[in-house]
């Protein structure tokens, strides 16, 4: 599933109406954001059951401010409307995939081997 652009208008409904939502707060001028963007898109294709969204902090300054975004890229992860993760910095592709698996948890992610 391709990434979706979020605005203040559809932010809350996206979080509330979807099980797992990852949000990348970014800006066009941000070098690390441009480096992270292709990885974010690739991982979104691997996890079609997750909504991968982006918030342009230049266009949505009030929204970014309401979440205390001070450094970009900042990644947030919600499950069932609850914020589970918020960190600034570009994650490597492998770490991003691992984060998605962790957010999915046992009910959505890979099952542990019996006895673990």
PDB file of N, CA and C in Angstrom:
ATOM      1  N   UNK A   1       0.859  -1.171   0.000  1.00  0.00           N
ATOM      2  CA  UNK A   1       0.000   0.000   0.000  1.00  0.00           C
ATOM      3  C   UNK A   1       0.905   1.234   0.000  1.00  0.00           C
ATOM      4  N   UNK A   2       0.668   2.163  -0.912  1.00  0.00           N
ATOM      5  CA  UNK A   2       1.497   3.373  -0.926  1.00  0.00           C
ATOM      6  C   UNK A   2       1.233   4.245   0.299  1.00  0.00           C
ATOM      7  N   UNK A   3       2.208   5.083   0.600  1.00  0.00           N
ATOM      8  CA  UNK A   3       2.038   5.983   1.735  1.00  0.00           C
ATOM      9  C   UNK A   3       0.961   7.016   1.422  1.00  0.00           C
ATOM     10  N   UNK A   4       0.343   7.538   2.491  1.00  0.00           N
ATOM     11  CA  UNK A   4      -0.701   8.549   2.341  1.00  0.00           C
ATOM     12  C   UNK A   4      -0.260   9.825   3.045  1.00  0.00           C
ATOM     13  N   UNK A   5      -0.670  10.957   2.490  1.00  0.00           N
ATOM     14  CA  UNK A   5      -0.373  12.247   3.101  1.00  0.00           C
ATOM     15  C   UNK A   5      -1.460  12.586   4.106  1.00  0.00           C
ATOM     16  N   UNK A   6      -1.048  12.981   5.303  1.00  0.00           N
ATOM     17  CA  UNK A   6      -2.000  13.370   6.345  1.00  0.00           C
ATOM     18  C   UNK A   6      -1.968  14.875   6.558  1.00  0.00           C
ATOM     19  N   UNK A   7      -3.139  15.402   6.880  1.00  0.00           N
ATOM     20  CA  UNK A   7      -3.277  16.803   7.258  1.00  0.00           C
ATOM     21  C   UNK A   7      -3.994  16.854   8.604  1.00  0.00           C
ATOM     22  N   UNK A   8      -4.100  18.035   9.150  1.00  0.00           N
ATOM     23  CA  UNK A   8      -4.820  18.195  10.412  1.00  0.00           C
ATOM     24  C   UNK A   8      -6.269  17.720  10.267  1.00  0.00           C
ATOM     25  N   UNK A   9      -6.831  17.846   9.086  1.00  0.00           N
ATOM     26  CA  UNK A   9      -8.221  17.477   8.844  1.00  0.00           C
ATOM     27  C   UNK A   9      -8.463  15.972   8.978  1.00  0.00           C
ATOM     28  N   UNK A  10      -7.556  15.155   8.474  1.00  0.00           N
ATOM     29  CA  UNK A  10      -7.794  13.715   8.475  1.00  0.00           C
ATOM     30  C   UNK A  10      -6.896  12.931   9.429  1.00  0.00           C
ATOM     31  N   UNK A  11      -6.098  13.612  10.220  1.00  0.00           N
ATOM     32  CA  UNK A  11      -5.172  12.944  11.116  1.00  0.00           C
ATOM     33  C   UNK A  11      -5.903  12.057  12.126  1.00  0.00           C
ATOM     34  N   UNK A  12      -6.813  12.617  12.891  1.00  0.00           N
ATOM     35  CA  UNK A  12      -7.508  11.866  13.944  1.00  0.00           C
ATOM     36  C   UNK A  12      -8.292  10.691  13.391  1.00  0.00           C
ATOM     37  N   UNK A  13      -9.014  10.901  12.297  1.00  0.00           N
ATOM     38  CA  UNK A  13      -9.816   9.808  11.739  1.00  0.00           C
ATOM     39  C   UNK A  13      -8.922   8.683  11.220  1.00  0.00           C
ATOM     40  N   UNK A  14      -7.759   9.024  10.697  1.00  0.00           N
ATOM     41  CA  UNK A  14      -6.841   7.988  10.227  1.00  0.00           C
ATOM     42  C   UNK A  14      -6.351   7.135  11.390  1.00  0.00           C
ATOM     43  N   UNK A  15      -6.017   7.774  12.501  1.00  0.00           N
ATOM     44  CA  UNK A  15      -5.548   7.048  13.687  1.00  0.00           C
ATOM     45  C   UNK A  15      -6.668   6.189  14.268  1.00  0.00           C
ATOM     46  N   UNK A  16      -7.860   6.735  14.342  1.00  0.00           N
ATOM     47  CA  UNK A  16      -8.985   6.052  14.974  1.00  0.00           C
ATOM     48  C   UNK A  16      -9.581   4.936  14.119  1.00  0.00           C
ATOM     49  N   UNK A  17      -9.528   5.089  12.792  1.00  0.00           N
ATOM     50  CA  UNK A  17     -10.215   4.156  11.894  1.00  0.00           C
ATOM     51  C   UNK A  17      -9.337   3.021  11.382  1.00  0.00           C
ATOM     52  N   UNK A  18      -8.090   2.983  11.792  1.00  0.00           N
ATOM     53  CA  UNK A  18      -7.165   1.962  11.308  1.00  0.00           C
ATOM     54  C   UNK A  18      -6.456   1.325  12.487  1.00  0.00           C
ATOM     55  N   UNK A  19      -6.173   0.047  12.380  1.00  0.00           N
ATOM     56  CA  UNK A  19      -5.525  -0.665  13.479  1.00  0.00           C
ATOM     57  C   UNK A  19      -4.133  -0.153  13.766  1.00  0.00           C
ATOM     58  N   UNK A  20      -3.248  -0.211  12.766  1.00  0.00           N
ATOM     59  CA  UNK A  20      -1.861   0.219  12.955  1.00  0.00           C
ATOM     60  C   UNK A  20      -1.547   1.310  11.943  1.00  0.00           C
ATOM     61  N   UNK A  21      -0.995   2.411  12.461  1.00  0.00           N
ATOM     62  CA  UNK A  21      -0.648   3.556  11.621  1.00  0.00           C
ATOM     63  C   UNK A  21       0.752   4.018  12.002  1.00  0.00           C
ATOM     64  N   UNK A  22       1.636   4.103  11.013  1.00  0.00           N
ATOM     65  CA  UNK A  22       2.945   4.714  11.187  1.00  0.00           C
ATOM     66  C   UNK A  22       2.917   6.073  10.513  1.00  0.00           C
ATOM     67  N   UNK A  23       3.523   7.062  11.143  1.00  0.00           N
ATOM     68  CA  UNK A  23       3.517   8.415  10.600  1.00  0.00           C
ATOM     69  C   UNK A  23       4.934   8.954  10.581  1.00  0.00           C
ATOM     70  N   UNK A  24       5.349   9.405   9.416  1.00  0.00           N
ATOM     71  CA  UNK A  24       6.648  10.029   9.208  1.00  0.00           C
ATOM     72  C   UNK A  24       6.440  11.538   9.104  1.00  0.00           C
ATOM     73  N   UNK A  25       6.957  12.269  10.089  1.00  0.00           N
ATOM     74  CA  UNK A  25       6.943  13.733  10.036  1.00  0.00           C
ATOM     75  C   UNK A  25       8.223  14.152   9.316  1.00  0.00           C
ATOM     76  N   UNK A  26       8.099  14.899   8.218  1.00  0.00           N
ATOM     77  CA  UNK A  26       9.223  15.188   7.343  1.00  0.00           C
ATOM     78  C   UNK A  26       9.105  16.590   6.750  1.00  0.00           C
ATOM     79  N   UNK A  27      10.139  17.000   6.024  1.00  0.00           N
ATOM     80  CA  UNK A  27      10.113  18.239   5.239  1.00  0.00           C
ATOM     81  C   UNK A  27      10.994  18.045   4.008  1.00  0.00           C
ATOM     82  N   UNK A  28      10.652  18.721   2.930  1.00  0.00           N
ATOM     83  CA  UNK A  28      11.371  18.595   1.658  1.00  0.00           C
ATOM     84  C   UNK A  28      12.847  18.952   1.785  1.00  0.00           C
ATOM     85  N   UNK A  29      13.175  19.941   2.576  1.00  0.00           N
ATOM     86  CA  UNK A  29      14.548  20.420   2.702  1.00  0.00           C
ATOM     87  C   UNK A  29      15.426  19.530   3.586  1.00  0.00           C
ATOM     88  N   UNK A  30      14.853  18.539   4.241  1.00  0.00           N
ATOM     89  CA  UNK A  30      15.550  17.707   5.222  1.00  0.00           C
ATOM     90  C   UNK A  30      16.282  16.553   4.538  1.00  0.00           C
ATOM     91  N   UNK A  31      17.610  16.575   4.585  1.00  0.00           N
ATOM     92  CA  UNK A  31      18.413  15.514   3.984  1.00  0.00           C
ATOM     93  C   UNK A  31      18.122  14.131   4.546  1.00  0.00           C
ATOM     94  N   UNK A  32      18.136  13.959   5.879  1.00  0.00           N
ATOM     95  CA  UNK A  32      17.802  12.641   6.434  1.00  0.00           C
ATOM     96  C   UNK A  32      16.390  12.177   6.072  1.00  0.00           C
ATOM     97  N   UNK A  33      15.467  13.119   5.922  1.00  0.00           N
ATOM     98  CA  UNK A  33      14.100  12.757   5.515  1.00  0.00           C
ATOM     99  C   UNK A  33      14.107  12.171   4.104  1.00  0.00           C
ATOM    100  N   UNK A  34      14.875  12.795   3.204  1.00  0.00           N
ATOM    101  CA  UNK A  34      14.957  12.301   1.825  1.00  0.00           C
ATOM    102  C   UNK A  34      15.633  10.933   1.776  1.00  0.00           C
ATOM    103  N   UNK A  35      16.591  10.689   2.667  1.00  0.00           N
ATOM    104  CA  UNK A  35      17.264   9.395   2.733  1.00  0.00           C
ATOM    105  C   UNK A  35      16.296   8.315   3.246  1.00  0.00           C
ATOM    106  N   UNK A  36      15.479   8.654   4.225  1.00  0.00           N
ATOM    107  CA  UNK A  36      14.557   7.719   4.862  1.00  0.00           C
ATOM    108  C   UNK A  36      13.348   7.392   3.986  1.00  0.00           C
ATOM    109  N   UNK A  37      12.908   8.324   3.163  1.00  0.00           N
ATOM    110  CA  UNK A  37      11.670   8.183   2.385  1.00  0.00           C
ATOM    111  C   UNK A  37      11.607   6.910   1.542  1.00  0.00           C
ATOM    112  N   UNK A  38      12.654   6.537   0.789  1.00  0.00           N
ATOM    113  CA  UNK A  38      12.538   5.305  -0.011  1.00  0.00           C
ATOM    114  C   UNK A  38      12.398   4.050   0.850  1.00  0.00           C
ATOM    115  N   UNK A  39      13.090   4.010   1.972  1.00  0.00           N
ATOM    116  CA  UNK A  39      12.970   2.856   2.874  1.00  0.00           C
ATOM    117  C   UNK A  39      11.558   2.770   3.423  1.00  0.00           C
ATOM    118  N   UNK A  40      11.004   3.919   3.807  1.00  0.00           N
ATOM    119  CA  UNK A  40       9.646   3.981   4.355  1.00  0.00           C
ATOM    120  C   UNK A  40       8.659   3.433   3.313  1.00  0.00           C
ATOM    121  N   UNK A  41       8.833   3.858   2.074  1.00  0.00           N
ATOM    122  CA  UNK A  41       7.957   3.405   0.987  1.00  0.00           C
ATOM    123  C   UNK A  41       8.110   1.900   0.762  1.00  0.00           C
ATOM    124  N   UNK A  42       9.342   1.395   0.769  1.00  0.00           N
ATOM    125  CA  UNK A  42       9.579  -0.039   0.560  1.00  0.00           C
ATOM    126  C   UNK A  42       8.929  -0.871   1.661  1.00  0.00           C
ATOM    127  N   UNK A  43       9.101  -0.459   2.899  1.00  0.00           N
ATOM    128  CA  UNK A  43       8.520  -1.213   4.015  1.00  0.00           C
ATOM    129  C   UNK A  43       6.997  -1.149   3.963  1.00  0.00           C
ATOM    130  N   UNK A  44       6.458  -0.028   3.481  1.00  0.00           N
ATOM    131  CA  UNK A  44       4.997   0.073   3.356  1.00  0.00           C
ATOM    132  C   UNK A  44       4.468  -0.966   2.368  1.00  0.00           C
ATOM    133  N   UNK A  45       5.248  -1.283   1.345  1.00  0.00           N
ATOM    134  CA  UNK A  45       4.844  -2.293   0.363  1.00  0.00           C
ATOM    135  C   UNK A  45       4.886  -3.697   0.962  1.00  0.00           C
ATOM    136  N   UNK A  46       5.741  -3.909   1.965  1.00  0.00           N
ATOM    137  CA  UNK A  46       5.878  -5.213   2.604  1.00  0.00           C
ATOM    138  C   UNK A  46       4.825  -5.456   3.685  1.00  0.00           C
ATOM    139  N   UNK A  47       4.212  -4.397   4.178  1.00  0.00           N
ATOM    140  CA  UNK A  47       3.229  -4.497   5.270  1.00  0.00           C
ATOM    141  C   UNK A  47       1.936  -3.807   4.827  1.00  0.00           C
ATOM    142  N   UNK A  48       1.222  -4.460   3.943  1.00  0.00           N
ATOM    143  CA  UNK A  48       0.022  -3.854   3.370  1.00  0.00           C
ATOM    144  C   UNK A  48      -1.141  -3.752   4.356  1.00  0.00           C
ATOM    145  N   UNK A  49      -1.009  -4.388   5.516  1.00  0.00           N
ATOM    146  CA  UNK A  49      -2.049  -4.316   6.536  1.00  0.00           C
ATOM    147  C   UNK A  49      -1.845  -3.134   7.485  1.00  0.00           C
ATOM    148  N   UNK A  50      -0.828  -2.321   7.219  1.00  0.00           N
ATOM    149  CA  UNK A  50      -0.489  -1.162   8.052  1.00  0.00           C
ATOM    150  C   UNK A  50      -0.626   0.092   7.206  1.00  0.00           C
ATOM    151  N   UNK A  51      -1.153   1.165   7.798  1.00  0.00           N
ATOM    152  CA  UNK A  51      -1.216   2.450   7.113  1.00  0.00           C
ATOM    153  C   UNK A  51       0.105   3.181   7.368  1.00  0.00           C
ATOM    154  N   UNK A  52       0.791   3.529   6.292  1.00  0.00           N
ATOM    155  CA  UNK A  52       2.014   4.322   6.362  1.00  0.00           C
ATOM    156  C   UNK A  52       1.664   5.718   5.870  1.00  0.00           C
ATOM    157  N   UNK A  53       1.771   6.692   6.763  1.00  0.00           N
ATOM    158  CA  UNK A  53       1.371   8.054   6.439  1.00  0.00           C
ATOM    159  C   UNK A  53       2.546   9.004   6.592  1.00  0.00           C
ATOM    160  N   UNK A  54       2.407  10.170   5.964  1.00  0.00           N
ATOM    161  CA  UNK A  54       3.442  11.198   6.034  1.00  0.00           C
ATOM    162  C   UNK A  54       2.774  12.531   6.358  1.00  0.00           C
ATOM    163  N   UNK A  55       3.466  13.316   7.193  1.00  0.00           N
ATOM    164  CA  UNK A  55       3.006  14.672   7.502  1.00  0.00           C
ATOM    165  C   UNK A  55       4.123  15.627   7.114  1.00  0.00           C
ATOM    166  N   UNK A  56       3.844  16.507   6.171  1.00  0.00           N
ATOM    167  CA  UNK A  56       4.787  17.538   5.757  1.00  0.00           C
ATOM    168  C   UNK A  56       4.765  18.630   6.827  1.00  0.00           C
ATOM    169  N   UNK A  57       5.853  18.727   7.582  1.00  0.00           N
ATOM    170  CA  UNK A  57       5.892  19.660   8.714  1.00  0.00           C
ATOM    171  C   UNK A  57       5.876  21.113   8.275  1.00  0.00           C
ATOM    172  N   UNK A  58       6.244  21.398   7.039  1.00  0.00           N
ATOM    173  CA  UNK A  58       6.165  22.776   6.532  1.00  0.00           C
ATOM    174  C   UNK A  58       4.708  23.154   6.263  1.00  0.00           C
ATOM    175  N   UNK A  59       3.966  22.250   5.652  1.00  0.00           N
ATOM    176  CA  UNK A  59       2.564  22.525   5.323  1.00  0.00           C
ATOM    177  C   UNK A  59       1.650  22.374   6.531  1.00  0.00           C
ATOM    178  N   UNK A  60       2.053  21.543   7.498  1.00  0.00           N
ATOM    179  CA  UNK A  60       1.215  21.236   8.664  1.00  0.00           C
ATOM    180  C   UNK A  60       1.944  21.615   9.957  1.00  0.00           C
ATOM    181  N   UNK A  61       2.364  22.868  10.054  1.00  0.00           N
ATOM    182  CA  UNK A  61       3.141  23.314  11.202  1.00  0.00           C
ATOM    183  C   UNK A  61       2.371  23.194  12.515  1.00  0.00           C
ATOM    184  N   UNK A  62       1.091  23.505  12.512  1.00  0.00           N
ATOM    185  CA  UNK A  62       0.295  23.410  13.740  1.00  0.00           C
ATOM    186  C   UNK A  62       0.172  21.949  14.195  1.00  0.00           C
ATOM    187  N   UNK A  63      -0.033  21.042  13.243  1.00  0.00           N
ATOM    188  CA  UNK A  63      -0.136  19.628  13.576  1.00  0.00           C
ATOM    189  C   UNK A  63       1.185  19.115  14.148  1.00  0.00           C
ATOM    190  N   UNK A  64       2.281  19.448  13.497  1.00  0.00           N
ATOM    191  CA  UNK A  64       3.599  19.035  13.995  1.00  0.00           C
ATOM    192  C   UNK A  64       3.846  19.622  15.384  1.00  0.00           C
ATOM    193  N   UNK A  65       3.477  20.870  15.579  1.00  0.00           N
ATOM    194  CA  UNK A  65       3.648  21.511  16.877  1.00  0.00           C
ATOM    195  C   UNK A  65       2.815  20.869  17.963  1.00  0.00           C
ATOM    196  N   UNK A  66       1.622  20.412  17.610  1.00  0.00           N
ATOM    197  CA  UNK A  66       0.747  19.796  18.614  1.00  0.00           C
ATOM    198  C   UNK A  66       1.320  18.480  19.132  1.00  0.00           C
ATOM    199  N   UNK A  67       2.208  17.854  18.356  1.00  0.00           N
ATOM    200  CA  UNK A  67       2.861  16.615  18.789  1.00  0.00           C
ATOM    201  C   UNK A  67       4.279  16.859  19.275  1.00  0.00           C
ATOM    202  N   UNK A  68       4.662  18.121  19.395  1.00  0.00           N
ATOM    203  CA  UNK A  68       5.984  18.444  19.914  1.00  0.00           C
ATOM    204  C   UNK A  68       7.116  18.011  19.000  1.00  0.00           C
ATOM    205  N   UNK A  69       6.885  18.022  17.696  1.00  0.00           N
ATOM    206  CA  UNK A  69       7.928  17.637  16.749  1.00  0.00           C
ATOM    207  C   UNK A  69       8.970  18.748  16.711  1.00  0.00           C
ATOM    208  N   UNK A  70      10.177  18.436  17.146  1.00  0.00           N
ATOM    209  CA  UNK A  70      11.266  19.407  17.195  1.00  0.00           C
ATOM    210  C   UNK A  70      12.398  19.041  16.250  1.00  0.00           C
ATOM    211  N   UNK A  71      12.431  17.782  15.814  1.00  0.00           N
ATOM    212  CA  UNK A  71      13.478  17.288  14.938  1.00  0.00           C
ATOM    213  C   UNK A  71      12.843  16.351  13.929  1.00  0.00           C
ATOM    214  N   UNK A  72      13.333  16.408  12.697  1.00  0.00           N
ATOM    215  CA  UNK A  72      12.783  15.526  11.664  1.00  0.00           C
ATOM    216  C   UNK A  72      13.923  14.789  10.975  1.00  0.00           C
ATOM    217  N   UNK A  73      13.634  13.615  10.465  1.00  0.00           N
ATOM    218  CA  UNK A  73      12.349  12.945  10.518  1.00  0.00           C
ATOM    219  C   UNK A  73      12.028  12.455  11.929  1.00  0.00           C
ATOM    220  N   UNK A  74      10.757  12.473  12.254  1.00  0.00           N
ATOM    221  CA  UNK A  74      10.261  11.848  13.481  1.00  0.00           C
ATOM    222  C   UNK A  74       9.230  10.817  13.066  1.00  0.00           C
ATOM    223  N   UNK A  75       9.360   9.637  13.633  1.00  0.00           N
ATOM    224  CA  UNK A  75       8.454   8.546  13.318  1.00  0.00           C
ATOM    225  C   UNK A  75       7.575   8.260  14.525  1.00  0.00           C
ATOM    226  N   UNK A  76       6.276   8.130  14.276  1.00  0.00           N
ATOM    227  CA  UNK A  76       5.326   7.764  15.320  1.00  0.00           C
ATOM    228  C   UNK A  76       4.601   6.498  14.877  1.00  0.00           C
ATOM    229  N   UNK A  77       4.260   5.645  15.852  1.00  0.00           N
ATOM    230  CA  UNK A  77       3.504   4.429  15.559  1.00  0.00           C
ATOM    231  C   UNK A  77       2.327   4.333  16.523  1.00  0.00           C
ATOM    232  N   UNK A  78       1.149   4.135  15.957  1.00  0.00           N
ATOM    233  CA  UNK A  78      -0.079   3.980  16.721  1.00  0.00           C
ATOM    234  C   UNK A  78      -0.641   2.585  16.472  1.00  0.00           C
ATOM    235  N   UNK A  79      -1.190   1.977  17.505  1.00  0.00           N
ATOM    236  CA  UNK A  79      -1.967   0.739  17.358  1.00  0.00           C
ATOM    237  C   UNK A  79      -3.247   0.929  18.132  1.00  0.00           C
ATOM    238  N   UNK A  80      -4.366   0.708  17.464  1.00  0.00           N
ATOM    239  CA  UNK A  80      -5.694   0.863  18.057  1.00  0.00           C
ATOM    240  C   UNK A  80      -5.850   2.240  18.710  1.00  0.00           C
ATOM    241  N   UNK A  81      -5.325   3.256  18.041  1.00  0.00           N
ATOM    242  CA  UNK A  81      -5.472   4.634  18.505  1.00  0.00           C
ATOM    243  C   UNK A  81      -4.515   5.046  19.605  1.00  0.00           C
ATOM    244  N   UNK A  82      -3.618   4.165  20.028  1.00  0.00           N
ATOM    245  CA  UNK A  82      -2.698   4.456  21.136  1.00  0.00           C
ATOM    246  C   UNK A  82      -1.284   4.643  20.589  1.00  0.00           C
ATOM    247  N   UNK A  83      -0.645   5.729  20.993  1.00  0.00           N
ATOM    248  CA  UNK A  83       0.731   6.001  20.580  1.00  0.00           C
ATOM    249  C   UNK A  83       1.665   5.025  21.288  1.00  0.00           C
ATOM    250  N   UNK A  84       2.381   4.213  20.504  1.00  0.00           N
ATOM    251  CA  UNK A  84       3.303   3.232  21.063  1.00  0.00           C
ATOM    252  C   UNK A  84       4.761   3.621  20.879  1.00  0.00           C
ATOM    253  N   UNK A  85       5.033   4.482  19.905  1.00  0.00           N
ATOM    254  CA  UNK A  85       6.418   4.798  19.565  1.00  0.00           C
ATOM    255  C   UNK A  85       6.493   6.212  19.013  1.00  0.00           C
ATOM    256  N   UNK A  86       7.503   6.955  19.472  1.00  0.00           N
ATOM    257  CA  UNK A  86       7.778   8.286  18.926  1.00  0.00           C
ATOM    258  C   UNK A  86       9.261   8.563  19.106  1.00  0.00           C
ATOM    259  N   UNK A  87       9.984   8.630  17.993  1.00  0.00           N
ATOM    260  CA  UNK A  87      11.423   8.889  18.031  1.00  0.00           C
ATOM    261  C   UNK A  87      11.828   9.703  16.819  1.00  0.00           C
ATOM    262  N   UNK A  88      12.774  10.594  17.027  1.00  0.00           N
ATOM    263  CA  UNK A  88      13.352  11.350  15.921  1.00  0.00           C
ATOM    264  C   UNK A  88      14.530  10.570  15.355  1.00  0.00           C
ATOM    265  N   UNK A  89      14.773  10.754  14.071  1.00  0.00           N
ATOM    266  CA  UNK A  89      15.912  10.127  13.421  1.00  0.00           C
ATOM    267  C   UNK A  89      15.474   9.133  12.366  1.00  0.00           C
ATOM    268  N   UNK A  90      16.302   8.988  11.341  1.00  0.00           N
ATOM    269  CA  UNK A  90      16.013   8.066  10.246  1.00  0.00           C
ATOM    270  C   UNK A  90      16.459   6.662  10.630  1.00  0.00           C
ATOM    271  N   UNK A  91      15.523   5.737  10.626  1.00  0.00           N
ATOM    272  CA  UNK A  91      15.853   4.339  10.908  1.00  0.00           C
ATOM    273  C   UNK A  91      16.336   3.652   9.628  1.00  0.00           C
ATOM    274  N   UNK A  92      17.304   2.746   9.742  1.00  0.00           N
ATOM    275  CA  UNK A  92      17.634   1.895   8.593  1.00  0.00           C
ATOM    276  C   UNK A  92      16.418   1.043   8.224  1.00  0.00           C
ATOM    277  N   UNK A  93      16.367   0.601   6.980  1.00  0.00           N
ATOM    278  CA  UNK A  93      15.217  -0.167   6.492  1.00  0.00           C
ATOM    279  C   UNK A  93      14.935  -1.386   7.370  1.00  0.00           C
ATOM    280  N   UNK A  94      15.981  -2.123   7.747  1.00  0.00           N
ATOM    281  CA  UNK A  94      15.792  -3.331   8.548  1.00  0.00           C
ATOM    282  C   UNK A  94      15.189  -2.997   9.916  1.00  0.00           C
ATOM    283  N   UNK A  95      15.661  -1.922  10.530  1.00  0.00           N
ATOM    284  CA  UNK A  95      15.143  -1.512  11.839  1.00  0.00           C
ATOM    285  C   UNK A  95      13.693  -1.070  11.731  1.00  0.00           C
ATOM    286  N   UNK A  96      13.341  -0.417  10.639  1.00  0.00           N
ATOM    287  CA  UNK A  96      11.956  -0.005  10.429  1.00  0.00           C
ATOM    288  C   UNK A  96      11.052  -1.231  10.319  1.00  0.00           C
ATOM    289  N   UNK A  97      11.490  -2.227   9.575  1.00  0.00           N
ATOM    290  CA  UNK A  97      10.711  -3.459   9.470  1.00  0.00           C
ATOM    291  C   UNK A  97      10.541  -4.144  10.811  1.00  0.00           C
ATOM    292  N   UNK A  98      11.594  -4.160  11.619  1.00  0.00           N
ATOM    293  CA  UNK A  98      11.510  -4.753  12.953  1.00  0.00           C
ATOM    294  C   UNK A  98      10.544  -3.970  13.834  1.00  0.00           C
ATOM    295  N   UNK A  99      10.562  -2.633  13.720  1.00  0.00           N
ATOM    296  CA  UNK A  99       9.631  -1.810  14.492  1.00  0.00           C
ATOM    297  C   UNK A  99       8.190  -2.153  14.130  1.00  0.00           C
ATOM    298  N   UNK A 100       7.918  -2.280  12.840  1.00  0.00           N
ATOM    299  CA  UNK A 100       6.558  -2.631  12.405  1.00  0.00           C
ATOM    300  C   UNK A 100       6.143  -3.974  13.001  1.00  0.00           C
ATOM    301  N   UNK A 101       7.037  -4.953  12.965  1.00  0.00           N
ATOM    302  CA  UNK A 101       6.713  -6.262  13.552  1.00  0.00           C
ATOM    303  C   UNK A 101       6.432  -6.143  15.045  1.00  0.00           C
ATOM    304  N   UNK A 102       7.195  -5.323  15.751  1.00  0.00           N
ATOM    305  CA  UNK A 102       6.973  -5.133  17.190  1.00  0.00           C
ATOM    306  C   UNK A 102       5.643  -4.458  17.462  1.00  0.00           C
ATOM    307  N   UNK A 103       5.298  -3.463  16.659  1.00  0.00           N
ATOM    308  CA  UNK A 103       4.023  -2.759  16.853  1.00  0.00           C
ATOM    309  C   UNK A 103       2.857  -3.705  16.575  1.00  0.00           C
ATOM    310  N   UNK A 104       3.028  -4.562  15.584  1.00  0.00           N
ATOM    311  CA  UNK A 104       1.976  -5.539  15.289  1.00  0.00           C
ATOM    312  C   UNK A 104       1.769  -6.472  16.472  1.00  0.00           C
ATOM    313  N   UNK A 105       2.846  -6.813  17.153  1.00  0.00           N
ATOM    314  CA  UNK A 105       2.732  -7.670  18.327  1.00  0.00           C
ATOM    315  C   UNK A 105       2.353  -9.086  17.964  1.00  0.00           C
ATOM    316  N   UNK A 106       2.136  -9.916  18.979  1.00  0.00           N
ATOM    317  CA  UNK A 106       1.870 -11.331  18.744  1.00  0.00           C
ATOM    318  C   UNK A 106       0.585 -11.592  17.968  1.00  0.00           C
ATOM    319  N   UNK A 107      -0.394 -10.707  18.078  1.00  0.00           N
ATOM    320  CA  UNK A 107      -1.653 -10.992  17.388  1.00  0.00           C
ATOM    321  C   UNK A 107      -1.568 -10.750  15.886  1.00  0.00           C
ATOM    322  N   UNK A 108      -0.583  -9.942  15.440  1.00  0.00           N
ATOM    323  CA  UNK A 108      -0.446  -9.653  14.017  1.00  0.00           C
ATOM    324  C   UNK A 108       0.874 -10.120  13.445  1.00  0.00           C
ATOM    325  N   UNK A 109       1.908 -10.147  14.254  1.00  0.00           N
ATOM    326  CA  UNK A 109       3.246 -10.445  13.766  1.00  0.00           C
ATOM    327  C   UNK A 109       3.516 -11.929  13.697  1.00  0.00           C
ATOM    328  N   UNK A 110       4.795 -12.218  13.582  1.00  0.00           N
ATOM    329  CA  UNK A 110       5.209 -13.618  13.528  1.00  0.00           C
ATOM    330  C   UNK A 110       4.974 -14.281  14.882  1.00  0.00           C
ATOM    331  N   UNK A 111       4.616 -15.535  14.828  1.00  0.00           N
ATOM    332  CA  UNK A 111       4.386 -16.275  16.069  1.00  0.00           C
ATOM    333  C   UNK A 111       5.710 -16.847  16.579  1.00  0.00           C
ATOM    334  N   UNK A 112       5.853 -16.842  17.874  1.00  0.00           N
ATOM    335  CA  UNK A 112       7.042 -17.445  18.495  1.00  0.00           C
ATOM    336  C   UNK A 112       6.927 -18.960  18.380  1.00  0.00           C
ATOM    337  N   UNK A 113       8.055 -19.609  18.385  1.00  0.00           N
ATOM    338  CA  UNK A 113       8.072 -21.074  18.355  1.00  0.00           C
ATOM    339  C   UNK A 113       7.441 -21.598  19.633  1.00  0.00           C
ATOM    340  N   UNK A 114       6.814 -22.760  19.592  1.00  0.00           N
ATOM    341  CA  UNK A 114       6.217 -23.324  20.800  1.00  0.00           C
ATOM    342  C   UNK A 114       7.239 -23.408  21.920  1.00  0.00           C
ATOM    343  N   UNK A 115       6.818 -23.116  23.112  1.00  0.00           N
ATOM    344  CA  UNK A 115       7.674 -23.192  24.285  1.00  0.00           C
ATOM    345  C   UNK A 115       8.471 -21.931  24.527  1.00  0.00           C
ATOM    346  N   UNK A 116       8.270 -20.893  23.722  1.00  0.00           N
ATOM    347  CA  UNK A 116       9.006 -19.632  23.925  1.00  0.00           C
ATOM    348  C   UNK A 116       8.115 -18.573  24.484  1.00  0.00           C
TER     349      UNK A 116
END
